[in-house]
Amino acid sequence: MPSATAAAPQRFLQCALHRPLRWGATLIAYRKDRLLRRGGHIILDWADLLQPQLQGRVALTDSSRELMGFALKTLGMGYNPR
């Protein structure tokens, strides 16, 4: 039995390999009044999510790509460093 790659038309493979895996946006949503009441400061950057006042209160998506992006942005690096 031929593999799926061998059976697929060459035209399909050329198109399929250039499609993005996912497209979308990640956002940070919070209630400013509650954050300030707890003694936190306004969130302006990914690193601001590491405030001690937010410990145990931050939810992230279940995605290793998102976590890696969060770590890179917190360190001041880009998502796609060259």
Foldseek 3Di string as FASTA:
>chain_A
DDDPVVPDDPVVVVVVVPDDPDDDDDDDDDDPVVCVVLVADDDDFLLSCPDPSCVPPDDDDPDPLRVVQSVQRNVVHHSDDD
